[in-house]
N, C-alpha and C. Protein backbone atom coordinates (compact mmCIF):
# COMPACT_ATOMS: atom_id res chain seq x y z
N MET A 1 -45.07 3.95 0.91
CA MET A 1 -43.97 3.14 0.53
C MET A 1 -42.69 3.82 0.84
N GLY A 2 -41.66 3.09 1.42
CA GLY A 2 -40.53 3.71 1.68
C GLY A 2 -39.81 2.92 2.96
N ILE A 3 -38.81 3.34 3.44
CA ILE A 3 -37.97 2.77 4.31
C ILE A 3 -38.54 3.27 5.78
N HIS A 4 -38.85 2.36 6.62
CA HIS A 4 -39.36 2.64 8.04
C HIS A 4 -38.32 1.88 8.82
N LEU A 5 -38.21 2.37 10.04
CA LEU A 5 -37.33 1.88 11.06
C LEU A 5 -37.85 0.50 11.41
N SER A 6 -39.08 0.29 11.33
CA SER A 6 -39.80 -0.96 11.91
C SER A 6 -39.56 -2.08 10.98
N ASP A 7 -39.13 -1.77 9.65
CA ASP A 7 -38.80 -2.93 8.72
C ASP A 7 -37.63 -3.57 9.09
N ARG A 8 -37.66 -5.02 8.84
CA ARG A 8 -36.52 -5.76 8.97
C ARG A 8 -35.61 -5.63 7.82
N PRO A 9 -34.27 -5.73 8.06
CA PRO A 9 -33.43 -5.60 6.92
C PRO A 9 -33.57 -6.89 6.05
N ARG A 10 -33.40 -6.68 4.67
CA ARG A 10 -33.50 -7.84 3.82
C ARG A 10 -32.05 -8.34 3.71
N ARG A 11 -31.94 -9.60 3.68
CA ARG A 11 -30.61 -10.09 3.34
C ARG A 11 -30.79 -10.90 2.09
N ALA A 12 -29.72 -11.03 1.24
CA ALA A 12 -29.65 -11.80 -0.05
C ALA A 12 -29.96 -13.28 0.33
N PRO A 13 -30.67 -13.97 -0.54
CA PRO A 13 -31.14 -15.37 -0.28
C PRO A 13 -29.83 -16.16 -0.36
N ARG A 14 -29.81 -17.16 0.40
CA ARG A 14 -28.50 -18.21 0.09
C ARG A 14 -28.84 -19.02 -0.88
N SER A 15 -27.93 -19.23 -1.77
CA SER A 15 -28.15 -20.03 -2.89
C SER A 15 -27.74 -21.51 -2.44
N LEU A 16 -28.83 -22.31 -2.62
CA LEU A 16 -28.57 -23.78 -2.28
C LEU A 16 -27.88 -24.38 -3.45
N ALA A 17 -27.83 -23.99 -4.47
CA ALA A 17 -27.14 -24.67 -5.75
C ALA A 17 -25.76 -24.49 -5.45
N SER A 18 -25.11 -23.31 -5.10
CA SER A 18 -23.78 -23.06 -4.83
C SER A 18 -23.10 -24.10 -3.78
N TRP A 19 -24.04 -24.31 -2.66
CA TRP A 19 -23.63 -25.17 -1.65
C TRP A 19 -23.54 -26.68 -2.05
N VAL A 20 -24.63 -27.01 -2.91
CA VAL A 20 -24.77 -28.56 -3.32
C VAL A 20 -23.41 -28.58 -4.40
N LEU A 21 -23.32 -27.61 -5.23
CA LEU A 21 -22.13 -27.86 -6.31
C LEU A 21 -20.88 -27.91 -5.61
N GLY A 22 -20.68 -27.11 -4.52
CA GLY A 22 -19.34 -27.05 -3.77
C GLY A 22 -19.11 -28.27 -3.09
N ILE A 23 -20.13 -28.93 -2.37
CA ILE A 23 -19.97 -30.15 -1.79
C ILE A 23 -19.60 -31.28 -2.75
N LEU A 24 -20.30 -31.37 -3.91
CA LEU A 24 -20.06 -32.25 -4.89
C LEU A 24 -18.55 -32.11 -5.54
N SER A 25 -18.20 -30.90 -5.59
CA SER A 25 -16.82 -30.74 -6.00
C SER A 25 -15.92 -31.22 -5.07
N ALA A 26 -15.92 -30.96 -3.83
CA ALA A 26 -15.23 -31.54 -2.86
C ALA A 26 -15.01 -33.21 -2.93
N VAL A 27 -16.21 -33.76 -3.00
CA VAL A 27 -16.28 -35.15 -2.98
C VAL A 27 -15.70 -35.72 -4.34
N HIS A 28 -15.85 -35.05 -5.39
CA HIS A 28 -15.23 -35.48 -6.72
C HIS A 28 -13.69 -35.25 -6.55
N GLY A 29 -13.25 -34.22 -5.82
CA GLY A 29 -11.83 -33.75 -5.80
C GLY A 29 -11.18 -34.95 -4.95
N ALA A 30 -11.85 -35.25 -3.81
CA ALA A 30 -11.39 -36.23 -2.93
C ALA A 30 -11.17 -37.67 -3.58
N GLY A 31 -12.28 -38.04 -4.40
CA GLY A 31 -12.12 -39.33 -5.23
C GLY A 31 -11.12 -39.30 -6.16
N ALA A 32 -10.96 -38.27 -6.80
CA ALA A 32 -9.83 -38.15 -7.92
C ALA A 32 -8.42 -38.24 -7.24
N PHE A 33 -8.26 -37.69 -6.05
CA PHE A 33 -6.85 -37.90 -5.44
C PHE A 33 -6.77 -39.24 -4.98
N VAL A 34 -7.81 -40.15 -4.64
CA VAL A 34 -7.76 -41.48 -4.21
C VAL A 34 -7.31 -42.35 -5.40
N PHE A 35 -7.99 -42.04 -6.49
CA PHE A 35 -7.79 -42.68 -7.69
C PHE A 35 -6.49 -42.36 -8.33
N VAL A 36 -5.96 -41.28 -8.17
CA VAL A 36 -4.62 -40.92 -8.89
C VAL A 36 -3.56 -41.48 -7.90
N ALA A 37 -3.69 -41.28 -6.67
CA ALA A 37 -2.68 -41.63 -5.72
C ALA A 37 -2.40 -43.04 -5.48
N GLY A 38 -3.59 -43.87 -5.39
CA GLY A 38 -3.63 -45.25 -5.38
C GLY A 38 -3.92 -46.01 -6.68
N GLY A 39 -3.80 -45.35 -7.81
CA GLY A 39 -3.83 -46.01 -9.07
C GLY A 39 -2.92 -46.96 -9.42
N ARG A 40 -3.19 -48.16 -9.70
CA ARG A 40 -2.45 -49.21 -10.08
C ARG A 40 -2.19 -49.49 -11.57
N THR A 41 -3.27 -49.00 -12.23
CA THR A 41 -3.38 -49.02 -13.78
C THR A 41 -3.60 -47.72 -14.37
N TRP A 42 -3.28 -47.72 -15.59
CA TRP A 42 -3.57 -46.27 -16.34
C TRP A 42 -5.06 -45.96 -16.37
N ALA A 43 -6.01 -47.08 -16.09
CA ALA A 43 -7.47 -46.68 -16.06
C ALA A 43 -7.78 -46.11 -14.80
N ASN A 44 -7.17 -46.32 -13.77
CA ASN A 44 -7.33 -45.91 -12.50
C ASN A 44 -6.92 -44.32 -12.68
N GLU A 45 -5.75 -44.10 -13.26
CA GLU A 45 -5.24 -42.67 -13.23
C GLU A 45 -6.24 -41.87 -14.38
N LEU A 46 -6.70 -42.59 -15.33
CA LEU A 46 -7.45 -41.75 -16.21
C LEU A 46 -8.79 -41.32 -15.37
N GLU A 47 -9.44 -42.23 -14.72
CA GLU A 47 -10.62 -42.08 -13.91
C GLU A 47 -10.39 -41.03 -12.95
N GLY A 48 -9.24 -41.02 -12.12
CA GLY A 48 -8.93 -39.95 -11.47
C GLY A 48 -8.66 -38.64 -12.10
N PHE A 49 -8.14 -38.45 -13.41
CA PHE A 49 -8.18 -37.23 -14.17
C PHE A 49 -9.56 -36.77 -14.55
N VAL A 50 -10.40 -37.74 -14.88
CA VAL A 50 -11.85 -37.41 -15.35
C VAL A 50 -12.52 -36.72 -14.09
N MET A 51 -12.43 -37.52 -12.97
CA MET A 51 -12.98 -36.97 -11.72
C MET A 51 -12.60 -35.62 -11.32
N GLY A 52 -11.16 -35.47 -11.49
CA GLY A 52 -10.57 -34.14 -11.07
C GLY A 52 -11.06 -32.89 -11.98
N THR A 53 -11.29 -33.27 -13.40
CA THR A 53 -11.72 -32.33 -14.17
C THR A 53 -13.29 -31.99 -13.91
N SER A 54 -14.03 -33.06 -13.58
CA SER A 54 -15.31 -32.89 -13.17
C SER A 54 -15.49 -31.93 -11.86
N ALA A 55 -14.50 -32.14 -10.85
CA ALA A 55 -14.46 -31.32 -9.72
C ALA A 55 -14.22 -30.00 -9.92
N ALA A 56 -13.32 -29.68 -11.05
CA ALA A 56 -13.10 -28.32 -11.30
C ALA A 56 -14.21 -27.52 -11.88
N VAL A 57 -14.98 -28.31 -12.81
CA VAL A 57 -16.07 -27.81 -13.33
C VAL A 57 -17.29 -27.50 -12.37
N LEU A 58 -17.47 -28.35 -11.49
CA LEU A 58 -18.42 -28.31 -10.44
C LEU A 58 -18.08 -27.03 -9.57
N LEU A 59 -16.88 -26.85 -9.34
CA LEU A 59 -16.50 -25.54 -8.46
C LEU A 59 -16.64 -24.36 -9.16
N VAL A 60 -16.15 -24.36 -10.58
CA VAL A 60 -16.70 -23.06 -11.36
C VAL A 60 -18.12 -23.06 -11.29
N GLY A 61 -19.01 -23.93 -11.29
CA GLY A 61 -20.44 -23.79 -11.28
C GLY A 61 -20.84 -23.32 -9.99
N ALA A 62 -20.30 -23.69 -8.92
CA ALA A 62 -20.58 -23.23 -7.62
C ALA A 62 -20.35 -21.70 -7.52
N ILE A 63 -19.09 -21.29 -8.04
CA ILE A 63 -18.90 -19.90 -7.78
C ILE A 63 -19.61 -19.01 -8.67
N LEU A 64 -20.06 -19.56 -9.95
CA LEU A 64 -20.95 -18.69 -10.73
C LEU A 64 -22.35 -18.65 -10.09
N SER A 65 -22.67 -19.83 -9.49
CA SER A 65 -23.96 -19.90 -8.87
C SER A 65 -24.37 -18.72 -7.91
N HIS A 66 -23.11 -18.68 -6.93
CA HIS A 66 -23.05 -17.76 -5.77
C HIS A 66 -23.08 -16.48 -6.41
N GLY A 67 -22.22 -16.20 -7.26
CA GLY A 67 -22.01 -14.60 -7.82
C GLY A 67 -23.38 -14.29 -8.57
N LEU A 68 -24.10 -15.17 -9.40
CA LEU A 68 -25.20 -14.72 -9.97
C LEU A 68 -26.25 -14.50 -8.97
N GLY A 69 -26.37 -15.31 -7.91
CA GLY A 69 -27.42 -15.21 -6.91
C GLY A 69 -27.23 -13.86 -6.14
N ARG A 70 -26.07 -13.49 -5.94
CA ARG A 70 -25.78 -12.17 -5.38
C ARG A 70 -26.20 -11.16 -6.27
N LEU A 71 -25.76 -11.11 -7.50
CA LEU A 71 -26.08 -10.13 -8.39
C LEU A 71 -27.63 -9.96 -8.53
N ARG A 72 -28.26 -11.06 -8.77
CA ARG A 72 -29.88 -10.98 -8.83
C ARG A 72 -30.44 -10.26 -7.62
N ALA A 73 -29.79 -10.61 -6.43
CA ALA A 73 -30.24 -9.91 -5.13
C ALA A 73 -30.01 -8.44 -5.15
N GLU A 74 -28.98 -8.09 -5.73
CA GLU A 74 -28.55 -6.54 -5.78
C GLU A 74 -29.49 -5.77 -6.77
N PHE A 75 -29.65 -6.57 -7.84
CA PHE A 75 -30.79 -5.98 -8.75
C PHE A 75 -32.08 -5.77 -8.07
N ARG A 76 -32.61 -6.84 -7.32
CA ARG A 76 -33.88 -6.73 -6.99
C ARG A 76 -33.95 -5.58 -5.71
N ASN A 77 -32.86 -5.34 -5.02
CA ASN A 77 -33.00 -4.48 -3.94
C ASN A 77 -32.40 -3.17 -4.19
N SER A 78 -32.13 -2.84 -5.48
CA SER A 78 -31.73 -1.62 -5.95
C SER A 78 -33.04 -0.84 -6.08
N PRO A 79 -32.75 0.54 -5.88
CA PRO A 79 -34.13 1.48 -6.11
C PRO A 79 -34.11 1.66 -7.59
N SER A 80 -35.45 1.73 -8.12
CA SER A 80 -35.60 1.89 -9.52
C SER A 80 -35.20 3.34 -9.99
N PRO A 81 -34.67 3.56 -11.12
CA PRO A 81 -34.38 4.92 -11.48
C PRO A 81 -35.59 5.69 -11.90
N GLN A 82 -35.74 6.98 -11.69
CA GLN A 82 -36.94 7.81 -12.08
C GLN A 82 -36.62 8.71 -12.81
């Protein structure tokens, strides 16, 4: 066991959840802008506000998912203390 020159370097796995949450956040943000900017009634503006809030929550989830995935990869690849 050990590090050999022939071993391929390990990369941290890409988190699929962070990409999905980021894309959903962008879609919700664009929808919120459309509803608020083109809102003719208070219901449209309220729907835009709710979609904007959900976009913010999805974006925070994407950031946390990405960070936790990297943290898990760091713990996996760190040498065990002896």
